[in-house]
């Protein structure tokens, strides 16, 4: 299983294929999608989910939030098929 709180990069991948980073961040992506569906403020989401303080690093926090939310949406629409083909989640966990 992926970690509940992986170290988040400044920018999420934009590859047309699922990456190892995506697999590590699946839980983060789900949390972002949930927060978005609930209408949560991006600053709160950045602070809690991405662990980037938007008061200290507003540009970095906003870029990370936007890129990871976009990637989460891509994974939800397209990338999940690749996860399933790979056998994720592992049944041995």
PDB file of N, CA and C in Angstrom:
ATOM      1  N   UNK A   1       0.841  -1.193   0.000  1.00  0.00           N
ATOM      2  CA  UNK A   1       0.000   0.000   0.000  1.00  0.00           C
ATOM      3  C   UNK A   1       0.879   1.247   0.000  1.00  0.00           C
ATOM      4  N   UNK A   2       0.406   2.307  -0.633  1.00  0.00           N
ATOM      5  CA  UNK A   2       1.171   3.560  -0.629  1.00  0.00           C
ATOM      6  C   UNK A   2       1.139   4.196   0.755  1.00  0.00           C
ATOM      7  N   UNK A   3       2.118   5.023   1.055  1.00  0.00           N
ATOM      8  CA  UNK A   3       2.120   5.700   2.358  1.00  0.00           C
ATOM      9  C   UNK A   3       0.949   6.674   2.459  1.00  0.00           C
ATOM     10  N   UNK A   4       0.485   6.905   3.684  1.00  0.00           N
ATOM     11  CA  UNK A   4      -0.622   7.838   3.903  1.00  0.00           C
ATOM     12  C   UNK A   4      -0.210   9.279   3.679  1.00  0.00           C
ATOM     13  N   UNK A   5       1.046   9.573   3.891  1.00  0.00           N
ATOM     14  CA  UNK A   5       1.488  10.953   3.770  1.00  0.00           C
ATOM     15  C   UNK A   5       2.885  10.993   3.149  1.00  0.00           C
ATOM     16  N   UNK A   6       2.984  10.752   1.831  1.00  0.00           N
ATOM     17  CA  UNK A   6       4.310  10.793   1.201  1.00  0.00           C
ATOM     18  C   UNK A   6       4.825  12.220   1.114  1.00  0.00           C
ATOM     19  N   UNK A   7       6.128  12.356   0.937  1.00  0.00           N
ATOM     20  CA  UNK A   7       6.712  13.668   0.698  1.00  0.00           C
ATOM     21  C   UNK A   7       6.243  14.111  -0.675  1.00  0.00           C
ATOM     22  N   UNK A   8       5.667  15.303  -0.743  1.00  0.00           N
ATOM     23  CA  UNK A   8       5.052  15.800  -1.970  1.00  0.00           C
ATOM     24  C   UNK A   8       6.043  16.681  -2.724  1.00  0.00           C
ATOM     25  N   UNK A   9       6.164  16.424  -4.022  1.00  0.00           N
ATOM     26  CA  UNK A   9       7.015  17.239  -4.880  1.00  0.00           C
ATOM     27  C   UNK A   9       6.360  18.594  -5.125  1.00  0.00           C
ATOM     28  N   UNK A  10       7.142  19.547  -5.567  1.00  0.00           N
ATOM     29  CA  UNK A  10       6.589  20.867  -5.871  1.00  0.00           C
ATOM     30  C   UNK A  10       5.585  20.814  -7.014  1.00  0.00           C
ATOM     31  N   UNK A  11       5.803  19.909  -7.962  1.00  0.00           N
ATOM     32  CA  UNK A  11       4.885  19.729  -9.079  1.00  0.00           C
ATOM     33  C   UNK A  11       4.605  18.248  -9.262  1.00  0.00           C
ATOM     34  N   UNK A  12       3.344  17.931  -9.515  1.00  0.00           N
ATOM     35  CA  UNK A  12       2.967  16.556  -9.821  1.00  0.00           C
ATOM     36  C   UNK A  12       3.395  16.240 -11.249  1.00  0.00           C
ATOM     37  N   UNK A  13       3.559  14.969 -11.556  1.00  0.00           N
ATOM     38  CA  UNK A  13       3.920  14.606 -12.920  1.00  0.00           C
ATOM     39  C   UNK A  13       2.817  14.992 -13.913  1.00  0.00           C
ATOM     40  N   UNK A  14       3.205  15.100 -15.175  1.00  0.00           N
ATOM     41  CA  UNK A  14       2.211  15.352 -16.216  1.00  0.00           C
ATOM     42  C   UNK A  14       2.365  14.332 -17.337  1.00  0.00           C
ATOM     43  N   UNK A  15       3.054  13.247 -17.055  1.00  0.00           N
ATOM     44  CA  UNK A  15       3.274  12.184 -18.031  1.00  0.00           C
ATOM     45  C   UNK A  15       1.934  11.595 -18.479  1.00  0.00           C
ATOM     46  N   UNK A  16       1.877  11.077 -19.698  1.00  0.00           N
ATOM     47  CA  UNK A  16       0.658  10.435 -20.163  1.00  0.00           C
ATOM     48  C   UNK A  16       0.495   9.016 -19.603  1.00  0.00           C
ATOM     49  N   UNK A  17       1.488   8.552 -18.865  1.00  0.00           N
ATOM     50  CA  UNK A  17       1.455   7.247 -18.212  1.00  0.00           C
ATOM     51  C   UNK A  17       1.579   7.432 -16.708  1.00  0.00           C
ATOM     52  N   UNK A  18       1.058   6.497 -15.970  1.00  0.00           N
ATOM     53  CA  UNK A  18       1.169   6.512 -14.521  1.00  0.00           C
ATOM     54  C   UNK A  18       2.633   6.361 -14.126  1.00  0.00           C
ATOM     55  N   UNK A  19       3.068   7.093 -13.123  1.00  0.00           N
ATOM     56  CA  UNK A  19       4.457   7.037 -12.671  1.00  0.00           C
ATOM     57  C   UNK A  19       4.523   6.392 -11.286  1.00  0.00           C
ATOM     58  N   UNK A  20       5.730   6.063 -10.876  1.00  0.00           N
ATOM     59  CA  UNK A  20       5.932   5.546  -9.518  1.00  0.00           C
ATOM     60  C   UNK A  20       5.485   6.595  -8.494  1.00  0.00           C
ATOM     61  N   UNK A  21       5.728   7.861  -8.797  1.00  0.00           N
ATOM     62  CA  UNK A  21       5.287   8.942  -7.910  1.00  0.00           C
ATOM     63  C   UNK A  21       3.772   8.910  -7.754  1.00  0.00           C
ATOM     64  N   UNK A  22       3.054   8.715  -8.854  1.00  0.00           N
ATOM     65  CA  UNK A  22       1.593   8.626  -8.778  1.00  0.00           C
ATOM     66  C   UNK A  22       1.159   7.498  -7.855  1.00  0.00           C
ATOM     67  N   UNK A  23       1.811   6.359  -7.992  1.00  0.00           N
ATOM     68  CA  UNK A  23       1.450   5.220  -7.146  1.00  0.00           C
ATOM     69  C   UNK A  23       1.686   5.537  -5.673  1.00  0.00           C
ATOM     70  N   UNK A  24       2.766   6.252  -5.373  1.00  0.00           N
ATOM     71  CA  UNK A  24       3.045   6.636  -3.993  1.00  0.00           C
ATOM     72  C   UNK A  24       2.021   7.644  -3.467  1.00  0.00           C
ATOM     73  N   UNK A  25       1.472   8.452  -4.373  1.00  0.00           N
ATOM     74  CA  UNK A  25       0.588   9.553  -3.971  1.00  0.00           C
ATOM     75  C   UNK A  25      -0.900   9.250  -4.128  1.00  0.00           C
ATOM     76  N   UNK A  26      -1.265   8.007  -4.349  1.00  0.00           N
ATOM     77  CA  UNK A  26      -2.675   7.689  -4.558  1.00  0.00           C
ATOM     78  C   UNK A  26      -3.528   8.181  -3.396  1.00  0.00           C
ATOM     79  N   UNK A  27      -3.103   7.950  -2.175  1.00  0.00           N
ATOM     80  CA  UNK A  27      -3.883   8.395  -1.013  1.00  0.00           C
ATOM     81  C   UNK A  27      -3.963   9.923  -0.991  1.00  0.00           C
ATOM     82  N   UNK A  28      -2.875  10.586  -1.313  1.00  0.00           N
ATOM     83  CA  UNK A  28      -2.874  12.053  -1.389  1.00  0.00           C
ATOM     84  C   UNK A  28      -3.862  12.520  -2.447  1.00  0.00           C
ATOM     85  N   UNK A  29      -3.846  11.878  -3.605  1.00  0.00           N
ATOM     86  CA  UNK A  29      -4.781  12.247  -4.674  1.00  0.00           C
ATOM     87  C   UNK A  29      -6.233  12.074  -4.213  1.00  0.00           C
ATOM     88  N   UNK A  30      -6.513  10.989  -3.535  1.00  0.00           N
ATOM     89  CA  UNK A  30      -7.878  10.764  -3.037  1.00  0.00           C
ATOM     90  C   UNK A  30      -8.287  11.842  -2.036  1.00  0.00           C
ATOM     91  N   UNK A  31      -7.366  12.201  -1.179  1.00  0.00           N
ATOM     92  CA  UNK A  31      -7.654  13.262  -0.205  1.00  0.00           C
ATOM     93  C   UNK A  31      -7.905  14.593  -0.901  1.00  0.00           C
ATOM     94  N   UNK A  32      -7.137  14.882  -1.950  1.00  0.00           N
ATOM     95  CA  UNK A  32      -7.346  16.115  -2.716  1.00  0.00           C
ATOM     96  C   UNK A  32      -8.706  16.116  -3.398  1.00  0.00           C
ATOM     97  N   UNK A  33      -9.084  14.995  -3.983  1.00  0.00           N
ATOM     98  CA  UNK A  33     -10.385  14.908  -4.646  1.00  0.00           C
ATOM     99  C   UNK A  33     -11.526  15.063  -3.647  1.00  0.00           C
ATOM    100  N   UNK A  34     -11.380  14.461  -2.480  1.00  0.00           N
ATOM    101  CA  UNK A  34     -12.400  14.613  -1.434  1.00  0.00           C
ATOM    102  C   UNK A  34     -12.512  16.066  -0.993  1.00  0.00           C
ATOM    103  N   UNK A  35     -11.390  16.704  -0.767  1.00  0.00           N
ATOM    104  CA  UNK A  35     -11.391  18.104  -0.329  1.00  0.00           C
ATOM    105  C   UNK A  35     -12.009  18.995  -1.400  1.00  0.00           C
ATOM    106  N   UNK A  36     -11.676  18.724  -2.657  1.00  0.00           N
ATOM    107  CA  UNK A  36     -12.239  19.501  -3.754  1.00  0.00           C
ATOM    108  C   UNK A  36     -13.760  19.323  -3.818  1.00  0.00           C
ATOM    109  N   UNK A  37     -14.225  18.100  -3.671  1.00  0.00           N
ATOM    110  CA  UNK A  37     -15.663  17.826  -3.700  1.00  0.00           C
ATOM    111  C   UNK A  37     -16.385  18.516  -2.546  1.00  0.00           C
ATOM    112  N   UNK A  38     -15.688  18.683  -1.430  1.00  0.00           N
ATOM    113  CA  UNK A  38     -16.268  19.357  -0.262  1.00  0.00           C
ATOM    114  C   UNK A  38     -16.147  20.872  -0.343  1.00  0.00           C
ATOM    115  N   UNK A  39     -15.466  21.378  -1.372  1.00  0.00           N
ATOM    116  CA  UNK A  39     -15.300  22.822  -1.524  1.00  0.00           C
ATOM    117  C   UNK A  39     -14.304  23.431  -0.547  1.00  0.00           C
ATOM    118  N   UNK A  40     -13.348  22.635  -0.092  1.00  0.00           N
ATOM    119  CA  UNK A  40     -12.354  23.129   0.872  1.00  0.00           C
ATOM    120  C   UNK A  40     -11.469  24.200   0.237  1.00  0.00           C
ATOM    121  N   UNK A  41     -11.039  25.139   1.040  1.00  0.00           N
ATOM    122  CA  UNK A  41     -10.132  26.189   0.593  1.00  0.00           C
ATOM    123  C   UNK A  41      -8.779  25.578   0.253  1.00  0.00           C
ATOM    124  N   UNK A  42      -8.200  25.993  -0.875  1.00  0.00           N
ATOM    125  CA  UNK A  42      -6.937  25.421  -1.325  1.00  0.00           C
ATOM    126  C   UNK A  42      -5.824  25.600  -0.307  1.00  0.00           C
ATOM    127  N   UNK A  43      -5.865  26.699   0.453  1.00  0.00           N
ATOM    128  CA  UNK A  43      -4.817  26.949   1.447  1.00  0.00           C
ATOM    129  C   UNK A  43      -4.874  25.902   2.567  1.00  0.00           C
ATOM    130  N   UNK A  44      -6.067  25.585   2.995  1.00  0.00           N
ATOM    131  CA  UNK A  44      -6.234  24.573   4.034  1.00  0.00           C
ATOM    132  C   UNK A  44      -5.782  23.202   3.518  1.00  0.00           C
ATOM    133  N   UNK A  45      -6.148  22.901   2.290  1.00  0.00           N
ATOM    134  CA  UNK A  45      -5.765  21.626   1.689  1.00  0.00           C
ATOM    135  C   UNK A  45      -4.245  21.544   1.532  1.00  0.00           C
ATOM    136  N   UNK A  46      -3.645  22.622   1.098  1.00  0.00           N
ATOM    137  CA  UNK A  46      -2.200  22.655   0.962  1.00  0.00           C
ATOM    138  C   UNK A  46      -1.525  22.390   2.307  1.00  0.00           C
ATOM    139  N   UNK A  47      -2.016  23.042   3.317  1.00  0.00           N
ATOM    140  CA  UNK A  47      -1.426  22.905   4.651  1.00  0.00           C
ATOM    141  C   UNK A  47      -1.597  21.482   5.188  1.00  0.00           C
ATOM    142  N   UNK A  48      -2.810  20.935   5.074  1.00  0.00           N
ATOM    143  CA  UNK A  48      -3.111  19.643   5.698  1.00  0.00           C
ATOM    144  C   UNK A  48      -2.677  18.459   4.831  1.00  0.00           C
ATOM    145  N   UNK A  49      -3.036  18.474   3.570  1.00  0.00           N
ATOM    146  CA  UNK A  49      -2.788  17.316   2.705  1.00  0.00           C
ATOM    147  C   UNK A  49      -1.381  17.322   2.124  1.00  0.00           C
ATOM    148  N   UNK A  50      -0.955  18.474   1.613  1.00  0.00           N
ATOM    149  CA  UNK A  50       0.358  18.547   0.980  1.00  0.00           C
ATOM    150  C   UNK A  50       1.472  18.901   1.962  1.00  0.00           C
ATOM    151  N   UNK A  51       1.091  19.360   3.136  1.00  0.00           N
ATOM    152  CA  UNK A  51       2.041  19.755   4.174  1.00  0.00           C
ATOM    153  C   UNK A  51       2.974  20.862   3.700  1.00  0.00           C
ATOM    154  N   UNK A  52       2.386  21.833   2.973  1.00  0.00           N
ATOM    155  CA  UNK A  52       3.115  23.024   2.537  1.00  0.00           C
ATOM    156  C   UNK A  52       2.365  24.227   3.115  1.00  0.00           C
ATOM    157  N   UNK A  53       3.064  25.063   3.844  1.00  0.00           N
ATOM    158  CA  UNK A  53       2.445  26.221   4.484  1.00  0.00           C
ATOM    159  C   UNK A  53       2.228  27.334   3.458  1.00  0.00           C
ATOM    160  N   UNK A  54       0.972  27.637   3.121  1.00  0.00           N
ATOM    161  CA  UNK A  54       0.708  28.660   2.118  1.00  0.00           C
ATOM    162  C   UNK A  54       1.004  30.081   2.603  1.00  0.00           C
ATOM    163  N   UNK A  55       1.120  30.270   3.899  1.00  0.00           N
ATOM    164  CA  UNK A  55       1.475  31.593   4.420  1.00  0.00           C
ATOM    165  C   UNK A  55       2.968  31.868   4.222  1.00  0.00           C
ATOM    166  N   UNK A  56       3.783  30.837   4.387  1.00  0.00           N
ATOM    167  CA  UNK A  56       5.229  30.998   4.234  1.00  0.00           C
ATOM    168  C   UNK A  56       5.688  30.867   2.787  1.00  0.00           C
ATOM    169  N   UNK A  57       5.003  30.001   2.018  1.00  0.00           N
ATOM    170  CA  UNK A  57       5.401  29.731   0.635  1.00  0.00           C
ATOM    171  C   UNK A  57       4.169  29.741  -0.277  1.00  0.00           C
ATOM    172  N   UNK A  58       3.563  30.908  -0.462  1.00  0.00           N
ATOM    173  CA  UNK A  58       2.291  30.944  -1.201  1.00  0.00           C
ATOM    174  C   UNK A  58       2.384  30.463  -2.648  1.00  0.00           C
ATOM    175  N   UNK A  59       3.423  30.840  -3.376  1.00  0.00           N
ATOM    176  CA  UNK A  59       3.527  30.422  -4.778  1.00  0.00           C
ATOM    177  C   UNK A  59       3.754  28.921  -4.880  1.00  0.00           C
ATOM    178  N   UNK A  60       4.662  28.414  -4.070  1.00  0.00           N
ATOM    179  CA  UNK A  60       4.944  26.977  -4.078  1.00  0.00           C
ATOM    180  C   UNK A  60       3.708  26.183  -3.684  1.00  0.00           C
ATOM    181  N   UNK A  61       3.013  26.644  -2.649  1.00  0.00           N
ATOM    182  CA  UNK A  61       1.819  25.942  -2.184  1.00  0.00           C
ATOM    183  C   UNK A  61       0.748  25.913  -3.263  1.00  0.00           C
ATOM    184  N   UNK A  62       0.529  27.039  -3.917  1.00  0.00           N
ATOM    185  CA  UNK A  62      -0.507  27.108  -4.954  1.00  0.00           C
ATOM    186  C   UNK A  62      -0.155  26.232  -6.159  1.00  0.00           C
ATOM    187  N   UNK A  63       1.109  26.284  -6.597  1.00  0.00           N
ATOM    188  CA  UNK A  63       1.549  25.443  -7.723  1.00  0.00           C
ATOM    189  C   UNK A  63       1.402  23.962  -7.394  1.00  0.00           C
ATOM    190  N   UNK A  64       1.842  23.582  -6.207  1.00  0.00           N
ATOM    191  CA  UNK A  64       1.758  22.179  -5.800  1.00  0.00           C
ATOM    192  C   UNK A  64       0.300  21.739  -5.711  1.00  0.00           C
ATOM    193  N   UNK A  65      -0.530  22.581  -5.117  1.00  0.00           N
ATOM    194  CA  UNK A  65      -1.951  22.248  -5.003  1.00  0.00           C
ATOM    195  C   UNK A  65      -2.569  22.061  -6.387  1.00  0.00           C
ATOM    196  N   UNK A  66      -2.385  23.030  -7.256  1.00  0.00           N
ATOM    197  CA  UNK A  66      -3.013  22.972  -8.578  1.00  0.00           C
ATOM    198  C   UNK A  66      -2.509  21.790  -9.406  1.00  0.00           C
ATOM    199  N   UNK A  67      -1.203  21.553  -9.385  1.00  0.00           N
ATOM    200  CA  UNK A  67      -0.673  20.461 -10.200  1.00  0.00           C
ATOM    201  C   UNK A  67      -1.100  19.100  -9.647  1.00  0.00           C
ATOM    202  N   UNK A  68      -1.136  18.967  -8.323  1.00  0.00           N
ATOM    203  CA  UNK A  68      -1.533  17.683  -7.737  1.00  0.00           C
ATOM    204  C   UNK A  68      -3.038  17.437  -7.891  1.00  0.00           C
ATOM    205  N   UNK A  69      -3.838  18.478  -7.800  1.00  0.00           N
ATOM    206  CA  UNK A  69      -5.270  18.293  -8.019  1.00  0.00           C
ATOM    207  C   UNK A  69      -5.532  17.922  -9.478  1.00  0.00           C
ATOM    208  N   UNK A  70      -4.854  18.577 -10.397  1.00  0.00           N
ATOM    209  CA  UNK A  70      -5.009  18.223 -11.812  1.00  0.00           C
ATOM    210  C   UNK A  70      -4.592  16.771 -12.049  1.00  0.00           C
ATOM    211  N   UNK A  71      -3.498  16.364 -11.437  1.00  0.00           N
ATOM    212  CA  UNK A  71      -3.042  14.984 -11.600  1.00  0.00           C
ATOM    213  C   UNK A  71      -4.013  14.007 -10.945  1.00  0.00           C
ATOM    214  N   UNK A  72      -4.552  14.369  -9.805  1.00  0.00           N
ATOM    215  CA  UNK A  72      -5.542  13.517  -9.144  1.00  0.00           C
ATOM    216  C   UNK A  72      -6.754  13.312 -10.042  1.00  0.00           C
ATOM    217  N   UNK A  73      -7.179  14.367 -10.703  1.00  0.00           N
ATOM    218  CA  UNK A  73      -8.311  14.255 -11.632  1.00  0.00           C
ATOM    219  C   UNK A  73      -7.952  13.358 -12.807  1.00  0.00           C
ATOM    220  N   UNK A  74      -6.742  13.486 -13.335  1.00  0.00           N
ATOM    221  CA  UNK A  74      -6.303  12.635 -14.438  1.00  0.00           C
ATOM    222  C   UNK A  74      -6.282  11.171 -14.006  1.00  0.00           C
ATOM    223  N   UNK A  75      -5.726  10.911 -12.819  1.00  0.00           N
ATOM    224  CA  UNK A  75      -5.664   9.536 -12.320  1.00  0.00           C
ATOM    225  C   UNK A  75      -7.080   8.978 -12.149  1.00  0.00           C
ATOM    226  N   UNK A  76      -7.987   9.794 -11.634  1.00  0.00           N
ATOM    227  CA  UNK A  76      -9.362   9.336 -11.429  1.00  0.00           C
ATOM    228  C   UNK A  76     -10.061   9.023 -12.749  1.00  0.00           C
ATOM    229  N   UNK A  77      -9.714   9.750 -13.797  1.00  0.00           N
ATOM    230  CA  UNK A  77     -10.366   9.551 -15.105  1.00  0.00           C
ATOM    231  C   UNK A  77      -9.673   8.513 -15.974  1.00  0.00           C
ATOM    232  N   UNK A  78      -8.338   8.461 -15.893  1.00  0.00           N
ATOM    233  CA  UNK A  78      -7.577   7.640 -16.832  1.00  0.00           C
ATOM    234  C   UNK A  78      -6.564   6.717 -16.154  1.00  0.00           C
ATOM    235  N   UNK A  79      -5.790   7.244 -15.248  1.00  0.00           N
ATOM    236  CA  UNK A  79      -4.669   6.506 -14.671  1.00  0.00           C
ATOM    237  C   UNK A  79      -5.058   5.313 -13.834  1.00  0.00           C
ATOM    238  N   UNK A  80      -6.265   5.318 -13.277  1.00  0.00           N
ATOM    239  CA  UNK A  80      -6.665   4.207 -12.416  1.00  0.00           C
ATOM    240  C   UNK A  80      -6.649   2.884 -13.193  1.00  0.00           C
ATOM    241  N   UNK A  81      -6.918   2.937 -14.488  1.00  0.00           N
ATOM    242  CA  UNK A  81      -6.903   1.712 -15.297  1.00  0.00           C
ATOM    243  C   UNK A  81      -5.509   1.081 -15.284  1.00  0.00           C
ATOM    244  N   UNK A  82      -4.504   1.943 -15.356  1.00  0.00           N
ATOM    245  CA  UNK A  82      -3.134   1.445 -15.315  1.00  0.00           C
ATOM    246  C   UNK A  82      -2.829   0.840 -13.949  1.00  0.00           C
ATOM    247  N   UNK A  83      -3.327   1.466 -12.887  1.00  0.00           N
ATOM    248  CA  UNK A  83      -3.139   0.913 -11.543  1.00  0.00           C
ATOM    249  C   UNK A  83      -3.749  -0.477 -11.446  1.00  0.00           C
ATOM    250  N   UNK A  84      -4.959  -0.611 -11.940  1.00  0.00           N
ATOM    251  CA  UNK A  84      -5.646  -1.901 -11.855  1.00  0.00           C
ATOM    252  C   UNK A  84      -4.949  -2.970 -12.689  1.00  0.00           C
ATOM    253  N   UNK A  85      -4.470  -2.598 -13.876  1.00  0.00           N
ATOM    254  CA  UNK A  85      -3.741  -3.557 -14.712  1.00  0.00           C
ATOM    255  C   UNK A  85      -2.468  -4.042 -14.022  1.00  0.00           C
ATOM    256  N   UNK A  86      -1.887  -3.176 -13.219  1.00  0.00           N
ATOM    257  CA  UNK A  86      -0.656  -3.541 -12.493  1.00  0.00           C
ATOM    258  C   UNK A  86      -0.952  -4.371 -11.243  1.00  0.00           C
ATOM    259  N   UNK A  87      -2.226  -4.535 -10.926  1.00  0.00           N
ATOM    260  CA  UNK A  87      -2.587  -5.326  -9.753  1.00  0.00           C
ATOM    261  C   UNK A  87      -2.632  -4.528  -8.468  1.00  0.00           C
ATOM    262  N   UNK A  88      -2.839  -3.226  -8.582  1.00  0.00           N
ATOM    263  CA  UNK A  88      -2.907  -2.381  -7.398  1.00  0.00           C
ATOM    264  C   UNK A  88      -4.326  -2.325  -6.898  1.00  0.00           C
ATOM    265  N   UNK A  89      -4.590  -2.348  -5.626  1.00  0.00           N
ATOM    266  CA  UNK A  89      -3.608  -2.560  -4.553  1.00  0.00           C
ATOM    267  C   UNK A  89      -3.213  -4.023  -4.473  1.00  0.00           C
ATOM    268  N   UNK A  90      -2.035  -4.225  -3.972  1.00  0.00           N
ATOM    269  CA  UNK A  90      -1.520  -5.592  -3.860  1.00  0.00           C
ATOM    270  C   UNK A  90      -2.375  -6.375  -2.871  1.00  0.00           C
ATOM    271  N   UNK A  91      -2.734  -7.552  -3.241  1.00  0.00           N
ATOM    272  CA  UNK A  91      -3.541  -8.394  -2.361  1.00  0.00           C
ATOM    273  C   UNK A  91      -2.706  -9.056  -1.274  1.00  0.00           C
ATOM    274  N   UNK A  92      -1.395  -8.939  -1.378  1.00  0.00           N
ATOM    275  CA  UNK A  92      -0.523  -9.524  -0.373  1.00  0.00           C
ATOM    276  C   UNK A  92      -0.284  -8.606   0.806  1.00  0.00           C
ATOM    277  N   UNK A  93      -0.740  -7.349   0.704  1.00  0.00           N
ATOM    278  CA  UNK A  93      -0.493  -6.364   1.774  1.00  0.00           C
ATOM    279  C   UNK A  93      -1.388  -6.613   2.961  1.00  0.00           C
TER     280      UNK A  93
END
